[in-house]
Amino acid sequence: MDGCKKALGRLHELGIKLGDINKHNFLVRDGHDVVLVDFETAKRDCSPLELEDEMSTLKSSLEGTSFRGGVEPAYE
């Protein structure tokens, strides 16, 4: 969680909102470095309030059981 928060925070320092916060858009590499992917809905020049709102949804988005942004498993 801390690595995800740090990665998103770096993006926010640039005034960029990712726009699609879900667990499939945070890739954890060796050493626990986190890389953000899927910038299709990213938005530049965001207000501090927009960035705070996005950060406030991070924990619930990462813990969610939704398949949003990923592939739903096939059931036989």
PDB file of N, CA and C in Angstrom:
ATOM      1  N   MET A   1       0.829  -1.200   0.000  1.00  0.00           N
ATOM      2  CA  MET A   1       0.000   0.000   0.000  1.00  0.00           C
ATOM      3  C   MET A   1       0.871   1.260   0.000  1.00  0.00           C
ATOM      4  N   ASP A   2       1.929   1.248   0.797  1.00  0.00           N
ATOM      5  CA  ASP A   2       2.785   2.438   0.871  1.00  0.00           C
ATOM      6  C   ASP A   2       3.434   2.751  -0.475  1.00  0.00           C
ATOM      7  N   GLY A   3       3.876   1.705  -1.172  1.00  0.00           N
ATOM      8  CA  GLY A   3       4.488   1.911  -2.483  1.00  0.00           C
ATOM      9  C   GLY A   3       3.511   2.481  -3.490  1.00  0.00           C
ATOM     10  N   CYS A   4       2.269   2.024  -3.420  1.00  0.00           N
ATOM     11  CA  CYS A   4       1.231   2.533  -4.325  1.00  0.00           C
ATOM     12  C   CYS A   4       0.941   3.998  -4.028  1.00  0.00           C
ATOM     13  N   LYS A   5       0.872   4.314  -2.747  1.00  0.00           N
ATOM     14  CA  LYS A   5       0.616   5.699  -2.339  1.00  0.00           C
ATOM     15  C   LYS A   5       1.764   6.607  -2.786  1.00  0.00           C
ATOM     16  N   LYS A   6       2.979   6.110  -2.656  1.00  0.00           N
ATOM     17  CA  LYS A   6       4.146   6.891  -3.064  1.00  0.00           C
ATOM     18  C   LYS A   6       4.144   7.130  -4.578  1.00  0.00           C
ATOM     19  N   ALA A   7       3.857   6.086  -5.354  1.00  0.00           N
ATOM     20  CA  ALA A   7       3.837   6.217  -6.817  1.00  0.00           C
ATOM     21  C   ALA A   7       2.754   7.195  -7.268  1.00  0.00           C
ATOM     22  N   LEU A   8       1.571   7.072  -6.676  1.00  0.00           N
ATOM     23  CA  LEU A   8       0.483   7.983  -7.036  1.00  0.00           C
ATOM     24  C   LEU A   8       0.816   9.405  -6.596  1.00  0.00           C
ATOM     25  N   GLY A   9       1.447   9.534  -5.438  1.00  0.00           N
ATOM     26  CA  GLY A   9       1.858  10.851  -4.949  1.00  0.00           C
ATOM     27  C   GLY A   9       2.841  11.534  -5.886  1.00  0.00           C
ATOM     28  N   ARG A  10       3.758  10.763  -6.443  1.00  0.00           N
ATOM     29  CA  ARG A  10       4.716  11.335  -7.408  1.00  0.00           C
ATOM     30  C   ARG A  10       3.996  11.878  -8.636  1.00  0.00           C
ATOM     31  N   LEU A  11       3.018  11.130  -9.099  1.00  0.00           N
ATOM     32  CA  LEU A  11       2.234  11.583 -10.247  1.00  0.00           C
ATOM     33  C   LEU A  11       1.482  12.864  -9.893  1.00  0.00           C
ATOM     34  N   HIS A  12       0.908  12.887  -8.706  1.00  0.00           N
ATOM     35  CA  HIS A  12       0.156  14.056  -8.257  1.00  0.00           C
ATOM     36  C   HIS A  12       1.058  15.278  -8.101  1.00  0.00           C
ATOM     37  N   GLU A  13       2.316  15.078  -7.724  1.00  0.00           N
ATOM     38  CA  GLU A  13       3.256  16.204  -7.627  1.00  0.00           C
ATOM     39  C   GLU A  13       3.415  16.905  -8.970  1.00  0.00           C
ATOM     40  N   LEU A  14       3.176  16.178 -10.037  1.00  0.00           N
ATOM     41  CA  LEU A  14       3.249  16.745 -11.388  1.00  0.00           C
ATOM     42  C   LEU A  14       1.916  17.342 -11.832  1.00  0.00           C
ATOM     43  N   GLY A  15       0.907  17.279 -10.934  1.00  0.00           N
ATOM     44  CA  GLY A  15      -0.413  17.817 -11.257  1.00  0.00           C
ATOM     45  C   GLY A  15      -1.243  16.896 -12.124  1.00  0.00           C
ATOM     46  N   ILE A  16      -0.869  15.611 -12.150  1.00  0.00           N
ATOM     47  CA  ILE A  16      -1.556  14.645 -13.010  1.00  0.00           C
ATOM     48  C   ILE A  16      -2.401  13.701 -12.170  1.00  0.00           C
ATOM     49  N   LYS A  17      -3.642  13.537 -12.584  1.00  0.00           N
ATOM     50  CA  LYS A  17      -4.579  12.597 -11.965  1.00  0.00           C
ATOM     51  C   LYS A  17      -4.617  11.353 -12.843  1.00  0.00           C
ATOM     52  N   LEU A  18      -4.424  10.178 -12.259  1.00  0.00           N
ATOM     53  CA  LEU A  18      -4.428   8.935 -13.039  1.00  0.00           C
ATOM     54  C   LEU A  18      -5.800   8.670 -13.637  1.00  0.00           C
ATOM     55  N   GLY A  19      -6.840   8.869 -12.846  1.00  0.00           N
ATOM     56  CA  GLY A  19      -8.199   8.758 -13.369  1.00  0.00           C
ATOM     57  C   GLY A  19      -8.785   7.364 -13.384  1.00  0.00           C
ATOM     58  N   ASP A  20      -7.959   6.354 -13.202  1.00  0.00           N
ATOM     59  CA  ASP A  20      -8.452   4.972 -13.198  1.00  0.00           C
ATOM     60  C   ASP A  20      -7.715   4.212 -12.102  1.00  0.00           C
ATOM     61  N   ILE A  21      -8.128   4.475 -10.876  1.00  0.00           N
ATOM     62  CA  ILE A  21      -7.476   3.854  -9.725  1.00  0.00           C
ATOM     63  C   ILE A  21      -8.070   2.470  -9.515  1.00  0.00           C
ATOM     64  N   ASN A  22      -7.308   1.454  -9.840  1.00  0.00           N
ATOM     65  CA  ASN A  22      -7.697   0.078  -9.522  1.00  0.00           C
ATOM     66  C   ASN A  22      -6.428  -0.749  -9.386  1.00  0.00           C
ATOM     67  N   LYS A  23      -6.547  -1.881  -8.722  1.00  0.00           N
ATOM     68  CA  LYS A  23      -5.369  -2.690  -8.384  1.00  0.00           C
ATOM     69  C   LYS A  23      -4.602  -3.194  -9.601  1.00  0.00           C
ATOM     70  N   HIS A  24      -5.212  -3.214 -10.743  1.00  0.00           N
ATOM     71  CA  HIS A  24      -4.548  -3.709 -11.946  1.00  0.00           C
ATOM     72  C   HIS A  24      -3.636  -2.661 -12.585  1.00  0.00           C
ATOM     73  N   ASN A  25      -3.706  -1.426 -12.121  1.00  0.00           N
ATOM     74  CA  ASN A  25      -2.890  -0.355 -12.686  1.00  0.00           C
ATOM     75  C   ASN A  25      -1.679  -0.006 -11.831  1.00  0.00           C
ATOM     76  N   PHE A  26      -1.410  -0.826 -10.819  1.00  0.00           N
ATOM     77  CA  PHE A  26      -0.239  -0.665  -9.963  1.00  0.00           C
ATOM     78  C   PHE A  26       0.571  -1.955 -10.050  1.00  0.00           C
ATOM     79  N   LEU A  27       1.698  -1.916 -10.724  1.00  0.00           N
ATOM     80  CA  LEU A  27       2.542  -3.098 -10.872  1.00  0.00           C
ATOM     81  C   LEU A  27       3.667  -3.027  -9.853  1.00  0.00           C
ATOM     82  N   VAL A  28       3.807  -4.073  -9.050  1.00  0.00           N
ATOM     83  CA  VAL A  28       4.839  -4.115  -8.014  1.00  0.00           C
ATOM     84  C   VAL A  28       6.014  -4.926  -8.547  1.00  0.00           C
ATOM     85  N   ARG A  29       7.176  -4.278  -8.584  1.00  0.00           N
ATOM     86  CA  ARG A  29       8.387  -4.930  -9.079  1.00  0.00           C
ATOM     87  C   ARG A  29       9.217  -5.440  -7.906  1.00  0.00           C
ATOM     88  N   ASP A  30      10.277  -6.184  -8.233  1.00  0.00           N
ATOM     89  CA  ASP A  30      11.209  -6.633  -7.196  1.00  0.00           C
ATOM     90  C   ASP A  30      11.667  -5.437  -6.383  1.00  0.00           C
ATOM     91  N   GLY A  31      11.809  -5.640  -5.095  1.00  0.00           N
ATOM     92  CA  GLY A  31      12.215  -4.537  -4.237  1.00  0.00           C
ATOM     93  C   GLY A  31      11.059  -3.650  -3.846  1.00  0.00           C
ATOM     94  N   HIS A  32       9.860  -4.030  -4.220  1.00  0.00           N
ATOM     95  CA  HIS A  32       8.630  -3.331  -3.856  1.00  0.00           C
ATOM     96  C   HIS A  32       8.459  -1.983  -4.539  1.00  0.00           C
ATOM     97  N   ASP A  33       9.231  -1.729  -5.608  1.00  0.00           N
ATOM     98  CA  ASP A  33       8.986  -0.525  -6.406  1.00  0.00           C
ATOM     99  C   ASP A  33       7.653  -0.696  -7.114  1.00  0.00           C
ATOM    100  N   VAL A  34       6.900   0.385  -7.197  1.00  0.00           N
ATOM    101  CA  VAL A  34       5.589   0.331  -7.838  1.00  0.00           C
ATOM    102  C   VAL A  34       5.612   1.188  -9.096  1.00  0.00           C
ATOM    103  N   VAL A  35       5.094   0.620 -10.167  1.00  0.00           N
ATOM    104  CA  VAL A  35       5.014   1.309 -11.450  1.00  0.00           C
ATOM    105  C   VAL A  35       3.544   1.465 -11.818  1.00  0.00           C
ATOM    106  N   LEU A  36       3.164   2.670 -12.203  1.00  0.00           N
ATOM    107  CA  LEU A  36       1.794   2.923 -12.648  1.00  0.00           C
ATOM    108  C   LEU A  36       1.680   2.638 -14.140  1.00  0.00           C
ATOM    109  N   VAL A  37       0.542   2.078 -14.530  1.00  0.00           N
ATOM    110  CA  VAL A  37       0.265   1.818 -15.944  1.00  0.00           C
ATOM    111  C   VAL A  37      -1.143   2.300 -16.262  1.00  0.00           C
ATOM    112  N   ASP A  38      -1.475   2.333 -17.523  1.00  0.00           N
ATOM    113  CA  ASP A  38      -2.805   2.687 -18.023  1.00  0.00           C
ATOM    114  C   ASP A  38      -3.134   4.160 -17.776  1.00  0.00           C
ATOM    115  N   PHE A  39      -2.547   4.991 -18.596  1.00  0.00           N
ATOM    116  CA  PHE A  39      -2.748   6.437 -18.482  1.00  0.00           C
ATOM    117  C   PHE A  39      -3.817   6.950 -19.445  1.00  0.00           C
ATOM    118  N   GLU A  40      -4.645   6.058 -19.942  1.00  0.00           N
ATOM    119  CA  GLU A  40      -5.674   6.424 -20.916  1.00  0.00           C
ATOM    120  C   GLU A  40      -6.608   7.512 -20.397  1.00  0.00           C
ATOM    121  N   THR A  41      -6.944   7.466 -19.109  1.00  0.00           N
ATOM    122  CA  THR A  41      -7.878   8.446 -18.542  1.00  0.00           C
ATOM    123  C   THR A  41      -7.170   9.505 -17.700  1.00  0.00           C
ATOM    124  N   ALA A  42      -5.838   9.559 -17.779  1.00  0.00           N
ATOM    125  CA  ALA A  42      -5.078  10.535 -17.001  1.00  0.00           C
ATOM    126  C   ALA A  42      -5.422  11.955 -17.446  1.00  0.00           C
ATOM    127  N   LYS A  43      -5.314  12.873 -16.496  1.00  0.00           N
ATOM    128  CA  LYS A  43      -5.654  14.270 -16.767  1.00  0.00           C
ATOM    129  C   LYS A  43      -4.574  15.168 -16.166  1.00  0.00           C
ATOM    130  N   ARG A  44      -4.080  16.118 -16.951  1.00  0.00           N
ATOM    131  CA  ARG A  44      -3.054  17.056 -16.484  1.00  0.00           C
ATOM    132  C   ARG A  44      -3.692  18.304 -15.893  1.00  0.00           C
ATOM    133  N   ASP A  45      -2.873  19.079 -15.202  1.00  0.00           N
ATOM    134  CA  ASP A  45      -3.272  20.378 -14.646  1.00  0.00           C
ATOM    135  C   ASP A  45      -4.478  20.267 -13.722  1.00  0.00           C
ATOM    136  N   CYS A  46      -4.469  19.262 -12.862  1.00  0.00           N
ATOM    137  CA  CYS A  46      -5.584  19.053 -11.933  1.00  0.00           C
ATOM    138  C   CYS A  46      -5.435  19.935 -10.701  1.00  0.00           C
ATOM    139  N   SER A  47      -6.554  20.260 -10.109  1.00  0.00           N
ATOM    140  CA  SER A  47      -6.550  21.057  -8.884  1.00  0.00           C
ATOM    141  C   SER A  47      -6.117  20.176  -7.717  1.00  0.00           C
ATOM    142  N   PRO A  48      -5.602  20.784  -6.653  1.00  0.00           N
ATOM    143  CA  PRO A  48      -5.248  20.008  -5.460  1.00  0.00           C
ATOM    144  C   PRO A  48      -6.429  19.197  -4.924  1.00  0.00           C
ATOM    145  N   LEU A  49      -7.633  19.728  -5.027  1.00  0.00           N
ATOM    146  CA  LEU A  49      -8.813  19.006  -4.547  1.00  0.00           C
ATOM    147  C   LEU A  49      -9.055  17.734  -5.359  1.00  0.00           C
ATOM    148  N   GLU A  50      -8.906  17.815  -6.681  1.00  0.00           N
ATOM    149  CA  GLU A  50      -9.073  16.627  -7.528  1.00  0.00           C
ATOM    150  C   GLU A  50      -8.060  15.545  -7.158  1.00  0.00           C
ATOM    151  N   LEU A  51      -6.832  15.977  -6.899  1.00  0.00           N
ATOM    152  CA  LEU A  51      -5.778  15.023  -6.560  1.00  0.00           C
ATOM    153  C   LEU A  51      -6.013  14.413  -5.184  1.00  0.00           C
ATOM    154  N   GLU A  52      -6.458  15.220  -4.236  1.00  0.00           N
ATOM    155  CA  GLU A  52      -6.785  14.713  -2.897  1.00  0.00           C
ATOM    156  C   GLU A  52      -7.931  13.714  -2.966  1.00  0.00           C
ATOM    157  N   ASP A  53      -8.931  14.024  -3.766  1.00  0.00           N
ATOM    158  CA  ASP A  53     -10.071  13.107  -3.922  1.00  0.00           C
ATOM    159  C   ASP A  53      -9.607  11.759  -4.468  1.00  0.00           C
ATOM    160  N   GLU A  54      -8.735  11.795  -5.463  1.00  0.00           N
ATOM    161  CA  GLU A  54      -8.245  10.543  -6.031  1.00  0.00           C
ATOM    162  C   GLU A  54      -7.440   9.761  -4.995  1.00  0.00           C
ATOM    163  N   MET A  55      -6.566  10.444  -4.267  1.00  0.00           N
ATOM    164  CA  MET A  55      -5.747   9.767  -3.258  1.00  0.00           C
ATOM    165  C   MET A  55      -6.625   9.152  -2.170  1.00  0.00           C
ATOM    166  N   SER A  56      -7.726   9.812  -1.841  1.00  0.00           N
ATOM    167  CA  SER A  56      -8.600   9.305  -0.777  1.00  0.00           C
ATOM    168  C   SER A  56      -9.301   8.002  -1.166  1.00  0.00           C
ATOM    169  N   THR A  57      -9.367   7.697  -2.454  1.00  0.00           N
ATOM    170  CA  THR A  57     -10.010   6.452  -2.897  1.00  0.00           C
ATOM    171  C   THR A  57      -9.016   5.308  -3.073  1.00  0.00           C
ATOM    172  N   LEU A  58      -7.732   5.594  -2.886  1.00  0.00           N
ATOM    173  CA  LEU A  58      -6.702   4.599  -3.179  1.00  0.00           C
ATOM    174  C   LEU A  58      -6.876   3.310  -2.380  1.00  0.00           C
ATOM    175  N   LYS A  59      -6.986   3.410  -1.083  1.00  0.00           N
ATOM    176  CA  LYS A  59      -7.061   2.208  -0.243  1.00  0.00           C
ATOM    177  C   LYS A  59      -8.256   1.334  -0.611  1.00  0.00           C
ATOM    178  N   SER A  60      -9.424   1.929  -0.714  1.00  0.00           N
ATOM    179  CA  SER A  60     -10.616   1.130  -1.022  1.00  0.00           C
ATOM    180  C   SER A  60     -10.539   0.539  -2.430  1.00  0.00           C
ATOM    181  N   SER A  61      -9.931   1.258  -3.349  1.00  0.00           N
ATOM    182  CA  SER A  61      -9.800   0.749  -4.718  1.00  0.00           C
ATOM    183  C   SER A  61      -8.854  -0.444  -4.792  1.00  0.00           C
ATOM    184  N   LEU A  62      -7.779  -0.401  -4.017  1.00  0.00           N
ATOM    185  CA  LEU A  62      -6.820  -1.503  -4.029  1.00  0.00           C
ATOM    186  C   LEU A  62      -7.354  -2.730  -3.304  1.00  0.00           C
ATOM    187  N   GLU A  63      -8.182  -2.513  -2.309  1.00  0.00           N
ATOM    188  CA  GLU A  63      -8.724  -3.618  -1.522  1.00  0.00           C
ATOM    189  C   GLU A  63      -9.987  -4.210  -2.129  1.00  0.00           C
ATOM    190  N   GLY A  64     -10.563  -3.557  -3.099  1.00  0.00           N
ATOM    191  CA  GLY A  64     -11.823  -3.997  -3.689  1.00  0.00           C
ATOM    192  C   GLY A  64     -11.721  -5.350  -4.367  1.00  0.00           C
ATOM    193  N   THR A  65     -12.853  -6.016  -4.470  1.00  0.00           N
ATOM    194  CA  THR A  65     -12.903  -7.331  -5.117  1.00  0.00           C
ATOM    195  C   THR A  65     -13.392  -7.236  -6.562  1.00  0.00           C
ATOM    196  N   SER A  66     -13.572  -6.030  -7.032  1.00  0.00           N
ATOM    197  CA  SER A  66     -14.030  -5.814  -8.404  1.00  0.00           C
ATOM    198  C   SER A  66     -12.959  -6.256  -9.398  1.00  0.00           C
ATOM    199  N   PHE A  67     -13.389  -6.671 -10.568  1.00  0.00           N
ATOM    200  CA  PHE A  67     -12.457  -6.999 -11.641  1.00  0.00           C
ATOM    201  C   PHE A  67     -12.251  -5.806 -12.562  1.00  0.00           C
ATOM    202  N   ARG A  68     -12.745  -4.623 -12.161  1.00  0.00           N
ATOM    203  CA  ARG A  68     -12.607  -3.421 -12.970  1.00  0.00           C
ATOM    204  C   ARG A  68     -11.139  -3.203 -13.325  1.00  0.00           C
ATOM    205  N   GLY A  69     -10.861  -3.092 -14.589  1.00  0.00           N
ATOM    206  CA  GLY A  69      -9.502  -2.871 -15.049  1.00  0.00           C
ATOM    207  C   GLY A  69      -8.720  -4.149 -15.281  1.00  0.00           C
ATOM    208  N   GLY A  70      -9.301  -5.276 -14.940  1.00  0.00           N
ATOM    209  CA  GLY A  70      -8.614  -6.556 -15.100  1.00  0.00           C
ATOM    210  C   GLY A  70      -9.466  -7.531 -15.877  1.00  0.00           C
ATOM    211  N   VAL A  71      -9.128  -8.765 -15.763  1.00  0.00           N
ATOM    212  CA  VAL A  71      -9.849  -9.812 -16.477  1.00  0.00           C
ATOM    213  C   VAL A  71     -10.583 -10.674 -15.468  1.00  0.00           C
ATOM    214  N   GLU A  72     -11.872 -10.808 -15.674  1.00  0.00           N
ATOM    215  CA  GLU A  72     -12.670 -11.650 -14.789  1.00  0.00           C
ATOM    216  C   GLU A  72     -12.351 -13.112 -15.091  1.00  0.00           C
ATOM    217  N   PRO A  73     -12.101 -13.908 -14.033  1.00  0.00           N
ATOM    218  CA  PRO A  73     -11.776 -15.316 -14.287  1.00  0.00           C
ATOM    219  C   PRO A  73     -12.955 -16.069 -14.896  1.00  0.00           C
ATOM    220  N   ALA A  74     -12.641 -17.012 -15.753  1.00  0.00           N
ATOM    221  CA  ALA A  74     -13.680 -17.846 -16.373  1.00  0.00           C
ATOM    222  C   ALA A  74     -14.052 -18.968 -15.413  1.00  0.00           C
ATOM    223  N   TYR A  75     -15.314 -19.238 -15.318  1.00  0.00           N
ATOM    224  CA  TYR A  75     -15.799 -20.318 -14.461  1.00  0.00           C
ATOM    225  C   TYR A  75     -16.375 -21.413 -15.339  1.00  0.00           C
ATOM    226  N   GLU A  76     -16.027 -22.632 -15.021  1.00  0.00           N
ATOM    227  CA  GLU A  76     -16.541 -23.764 -15.811  1.00  0.00           C
ATOM    228  C   GLU A  76     -17.743 -24.371 -15.142  1.00  0.00           C
TER     229      GLU A  76
END
